[in-house]
Amino acid sequence: MTIKHSEKTLATTDLGLAAALRVFGIPMLRLDAQDDRRIAFIFTDDEAIEAAARYWAGQLSVDALAYFNALKTLKNQIYSLRV
């Protein structure tokens, strides 16, 4: 898992975290292909740092179906980059 933070964005390569942030309502700005094996998910940083900390502490609750759908959507976005 990689998390990088700048003044305006949060970048992570963790698919589970990215899906949770999407469901939590954090806007994703873009995907960034780091290399052939890693994709970074870039989010706006308004609430992303706090939500990510809650995710890793096991304190971020999201709807299970929405989380599953967010995972599918993110995977589709990854695969569309590879084509």
N, C-alpha and C. Protein backbone atom coordinates (compact mmCIF):
# COMPACT_ATOMS: atom_id res chain seq x y z
N MET A 1 0.83 -1.17 0.00
CA MET A 1 0.00 0.00 0.00
C MET A 1 0.88 1.24 0.00
N THR A 2 0.56 2.14 -0.91
CA THR A 2 1.29 3.39 -0.98
C THR A 2 0.31 4.53 -0.86
N ILE A 3 0.59 5.45 0.02
CA ILE A 3 -0.23 6.66 0.12
C ILE A 3 0.71 7.85 0.05
N LYS A 4 0.42 8.77 -0.86
CA LYS A 4 1.17 10.01 -0.96
C LYS A 4 0.19 11.15 -0.82
N HIS A 5 0.61 12.17 -0.13
CA HIS A 5 -0.26 13.31 0.15
C HIS A 5 0.43 14.59 -0.28
N SER A 6 -0.31 15.40 -1.01
CA SER A 6 0.17 16.75 -1.29
C SER A 6 -0.87 17.71 -0.74
N GLU A 7 -0.69 19.00 -0.98
CA GLU A 7 -1.63 19.98 -0.44
C GLU A 7 -3.05 19.77 -0.97
N LYS A 8 -3.18 19.30 -2.20
CA LYS A 8 -4.50 19.24 -2.82
C LYS A 8 -4.97 17.84 -3.17
N THR A 9 -4.11 16.84 -3.07
CA THR A 9 -4.50 15.49 -3.47
C THR A 9 -3.99 14.43 -2.52
N LEU A 10 -4.62 13.27 -2.60
CA LEU A 10 -4.17 12.06 -1.91
C LEU A 10 -4.06 10.99 -2.97
N ALA A 11 -2.94 10.31 -3.06
CA ALA A 11 -2.75 9.23 -4.02
C ALA A 11 -2.53 7.93 -3.27
N THR A 12 -3.21 6.88 -3.72
CA THR A 12 -3.02 5.57 -3.12
C THR A 12 -3.03 4.50 -4.20
N THR A 13 -2.29 3.43 -3.98
CA THR A 13 -2.32 2.30 -4.90
C THR A 13 -3.17 1.17 -4.33
N ASP A 14 -3.80 1.39 -3.19
CA ASP A 14 -4.61 0.36 -2.54
C ASP A 14 -6.04 0.39 -3.08
N LEU A 15 -6.44 -0.68 -3.76
CA LEU A 15 -7.76 -0.75 -4.37
C LEU A 15 -8.88 -0.70 -3.34
N GLY A 16 -8.71 -1.38 -2.23
CA GLY A 16 -9.73 -1.38 -1.18
C GLY A 16 -9.96 0.01 -0.60
N LEU A 17 -8.88 0.72 -0.33
CA LEU A 17 -9.00 2.08 0.18
C LEU A 17 -9.65 2.98 -0.85
N ALA A 18 -9.23 2.84 -2.10
CA ALA A 18 -9.81 3.68 -3.16
C ALA A 18 -11.31 3.46 -3.27
N ALA A 19 -11.76 2.22 -3.20
CA ALA A 19 -13.19 1.92 -3.28
C ALA A 19 -13.92 2.53 -2.08
N ALA A 20 -13.35 2.41 -0.90
CA ALA A 20 -13.97 2.96 0.30
C ALA A 20 -14.08 4.48 0.21
N LEU A 21 -13.04 5.14 -0.28
CA LEU A 21 -13.08 6.59 -0.42
C LEU A 21 -14.15 7.02 -1.42
N ARG A 22 -14.27 6.26 -2.53
CA ARG A 22 -15.31 6.58 -3.52
C ARG A 22 -16.69 6.48 -2.89
N VAL A 23 -16.96 5.39 -2.15
CA VAL A 23 -18.27 5.20 -1.54
C VAL A 23 -18.51 6.26 -0.47
N PHE A 24 -17.48 6.66 0.23
CA PHE A 24 -17.60 7.66 1.29
C PHE A 24 -17.88 9.05 0.71
N GLY A 25 -17.71 9.18 -0.60
CA GLY A 25 -18.03 10.45 -1.25
C GLY A 25 -16.85 11.34 -1.57
N ILE A 26 -15.65 10.80 -1.48
CA ILE A 26 -14.45 11.57 -1.82
C ILE A 26 -14.29 11.51 -3.34
N PRO A 27 -14.27 12.67 -4.02
CA PRO A 27 -14.14 12.66 -5.48
C PRO A 27 -12.77 12.15 -5.93
N MET A 28 -12.77 11.25 -6.91
CA MET A 28 -11.53 10.77 -7.50
C MET A 28 -11.22 11.65 -8.71
N LEU A 29 -10.01 12.19 -8.76
CA LEU A 29 -9.63 13.07 -9.85
C LEU A 29 -9.22 12.29 -11.09
N ARG A 30 -8.42 11.23 -10.87
CA ARG A 30 -7.91 10.48 -12.03
C ARG A 30 -7.20 9.21 -11.57
N LEU A 31 -6.87 8.38 -12.54
CA LEU A 31 -5.99 7.22 -12.34
C LEU A 31 -4.64 7.58 -12.92
N ASP A 32 -3.59 7.12 -12.30
CA ASP A 32 -2.24 7.41 -12.77
C ASP A 32 -1.48 6.09 -12.87
N ALA A 33 -1.16 5.69 -14.09
CA ALA A 33 -0.41 4.45 -14.31
C ALA A 33 1.04 4.70 -13.91
N GLN A 34 1.43 4.11 -12.78
CA GLN A 34 2.78 4.30 -12.27
C GLN A 34 3.80 3.47 -13.04
N ASP A 35 3.42 2.25 -13.37
CA ASP A 35 4.23 1.36 -14.18
C ASP A 35 3.29 0.28 -14.71
N ASP A 36 3.84 -0.83 -15.22
CA ASP A 36 3.00 -1.89 -15.79
C ASP A 36 2.16 -2.62 -14.74
N ARG A 37 2.51 -2.50 -13.48
CA ARG A 37 1.82 -3.27 -12.44
C ARG A 37 1.07 -2.43 -11.42
N ARG A 38 1.28 -1.13 -11.39
CA ARG A 38 0.67 -0.30 -10.35
C ARG A 38 -0.10 0.87 -10.95
N ILE A 39 -1.26 1.08 -10.37
CA ILE A 39 -2.10 2.22 -10.71
C ILE A 39 -2.31 3.03 -9.43
N ALA A 40 -2.14 4.32 -9.52
CA ALA A 40 -2.43 5.19 -8.37
C ALA A 40 -3.80 5.82 -8.58
N PHE A 41 -4.58 5.83 -7.52
CA PHE A 41 -5.89 6.49 -7.52
C PHE A 41 -5.68 7.84 -6.86
N ILE A 42 -6.00 8.90 -7.58
CA ILE A 42 -5.74 10.26 -7.10
C ILE A 42 -7.08 10.87 -6.67
N PHE A 43 -7.15 11.30 -5.42
CA PHE A 43 -8.37 11.87 -4.84
C PHE A 43 -8.14 13.31 -4.42
N THR A 44 -9.24 14.08 -4.39
CA THR A 44 -9.14 15.41 -3.80
C THR A 44 -8.91 15.22 -2.31
N ASP A 45 -8.22 16.13 -1.72
CA ASP A 45 -7.75 15.95 -0.34
C ASP A 45 -8.64 16.60 0.71
N ASP A 46 -9.81 17.08 0.35
CA ASP A 46 -10.65 17.76 1.32
C ASP A 46 -10.87 16.92 2.58
N GLU A 47 -11.32 15.71 2.42
CA GLU A 47 -11.57 14.82 3.56
C GLU A 47 -10.84 13.49 3.42
N ALA A 48 -10.03 13.34 2.39
CA ALA A 48 -9.43 12.05 2.08
C ALA A 48 -8.48 11.55 3.16
N ILE A 49 -7.67 12.42 3.73
CA ILE A 49 -6.70 12.00 4.75
C ILE A 49 -7.42 11.45 5.97
N GLU A 50 -8.43 12.17 6.44
CA GLU A 50 -9.18 11.71 7.61
C GLU A 50 -9.91 10.40 7.30
N ALA A 51 -10.54 10.31 6.13
CA ALA A 51 -11.27 9.09 5.77
C ALA A 51 -10.31 7.91 5.63
N ALA A 52 -9.12 8.14 5.07
CA ALA A 52 -8.13 7.07 4.93
C ALA A 52 -7.66 6.59 6.31
N ALA A 53 -7.45 7.51 7.22
CA ALA A 53 -7.04 7.13 8.58
C ALA A 53 -8.13 6.31 9.25
N ARG A 54 -9.38 6.70 9.07
CA ARG A 54 -10.50 5.94 9.64
C ARG A 54 -10.60 4.55 8.99
N TYR A 55 -10.33 4.46 7.67
CA TYR A 55 -10.34 3.18 6.96
C TYR A 55 -9.32 2.22 7.58
N TRP A 56 -8.09 2.69 7.75
CA TRP A 56 -7.03 1.83 8.28
C TRP A 56 -7.23 1.49 9.75
N ALA A 57 -7.97 2.32 10.47
CA ALA A 57 -8.27 2.04 11.88
C ALA A 57 -9.51 1.16 12.04
N GLY A 58 -10.15 0.81 10.92
CA GLY A 58 -11.35 -0.02 10.97
C GLY A 58 -12.57 0.75 11.44
N GLN A 59 -12.55 2.06 11.28
CA GLN A 59 -13.64 2.90 11.78
C GLN A 59 -14.46 3.55 10.68
N LEU A 60 -14.19 3.23 9.42
CA LEU A 60 -14.94 3.82 8.31
C LEU A 60 -15.99 2.81 7.86
N SER A 61 -17.25 3.18 8.01
CA SER A 61 -18.34 2.29 7.62
C SER A 61 -18.97 2.78 6.32
N VAL A 62 -19.12 1.86 5.38
CA VAL A 62 -19.78 2.17 4.10
C VAL A 62 -20.75 1.04 3.78
N ASP A 63 -21.69 1.32 2.90
CA ASP A 63 -22.65 0.33 2.45
C ASP A 63 -21.94 -0.77 1.67
N ALA A 64 -22.22 -2.03 2.02
CA ALA A 64 -21.51 -3.17 1.40
C ALA A 64 -21.76 -3.26 -0.09
N LEU A 65 -22.98 -3.09 -0.54
CA LEU A 65 -23.28 -3.17 -1.97
C LEU A 65 -22.62 -2.03 -2.74
N ALA A 66 -22.65 -0.85 -2.17
CA ALA A 66 -22.00 0.30 -2.81
C ALA A 66 -20.48 0.07 -2.89
N TYR A 67 -19.90 -0.53 -1.86
CA TYR A 67 -18.46 -0.83 -1.85
C TYR A 67 -18.12 -1.83 -2.95
N PHE A 68 -18.93 -2.89 -3.06
CA PHE A 68 -18.71 -3.89 -4.10
C PHE A 68 -18.80 -3.25 -5.48
N ASN A 69 -19.80 -2.39 -5.69
CA ASN A 69 -19.96 -1.73 -6.98
C ASN A 69 -18.81 -0.78 -7.27
N ALA A 70 -18.30 -0.11 -6.25
CA ALA A 70 -17.14 0.77 -6.43
C ALA A 70 -15.90 -0.03 -6.82
N LEU A 71 -15.72 -1.21 -6.22
CA LEU A 71 -14.60 -2.08 -6.60
C LEU A 71 -14.70 -2.46 -8.07
N LYS A 72 -15.89 -2.86 -8.51
CA LYS A 72 -16.09 -3.25 -9.91
C LYS A 72 -15.81 -2.08 -10.84
N THR A 73 -16.29 -0.92 -10.48
CA THR A 73 -16.08 0.27 -11.31
C THR A 73 -14.60 0.61 -11.42
N LEU A 74 -13.89 0.59 -10.30
CA LEU A 74 -12.46 0.89 -10.32
C LEU A 74 -11.68 -0.13 -11.14
N LYS A 75 -12.04 -1.40 -11.01
CA LYS A 75 -11.36 -2.44 -11.81
C LYS A 75 -11.60 -2.22 -13.29
N ASN A 76 -12.83 -1.86 -13.66
CA ASN A 76 -13.12 -1.57 -15.06
C ASN A 76 -12.29 -0.40 -15.56
N GLN A 77 -12.13 0.62 -14.74
CA GLN A 77 -11.31 1.77 -15.12
C GLN A 77 -9.85 1.36 -15.30
N ILE A 78 -9.36 0.50 -14.42
CA ILE A 78 -7.98 0.01 -14.56
C ILE A 78 -7.80 -0.75 -15.85
N TYR A 79 -8.71 -1.69 -16.11
CA TYR A 79 -8.60 -2.51 -17.32
C TYR A 79 -8.73 -1.67 -18.58
N SER A 80 -9.51 -0.60 -18.55
CA SER A 80 -9.64 0.25 -19.74
C SER A 80 -8.35 1.00 -20.03
N LEU A 81 -7.53 1.23 -19.00
CA LEU A 81 -6.22 1.85 -19.22
C LEU A 81 -5.25 0.90 -19.92
N ARG A 82 -5.43 -0.37 -19.69
CA ARG A 82 -4.51 -1.38 -20.19
C ARG A 82 -4.77 -1.79 -21.64
N VAL A 83 -5.92 -1.40 -22.17
CA VAL A 83 -6.28 -1.83 -23.54
C VAL A 83 -5.67 -0.92 -24.55
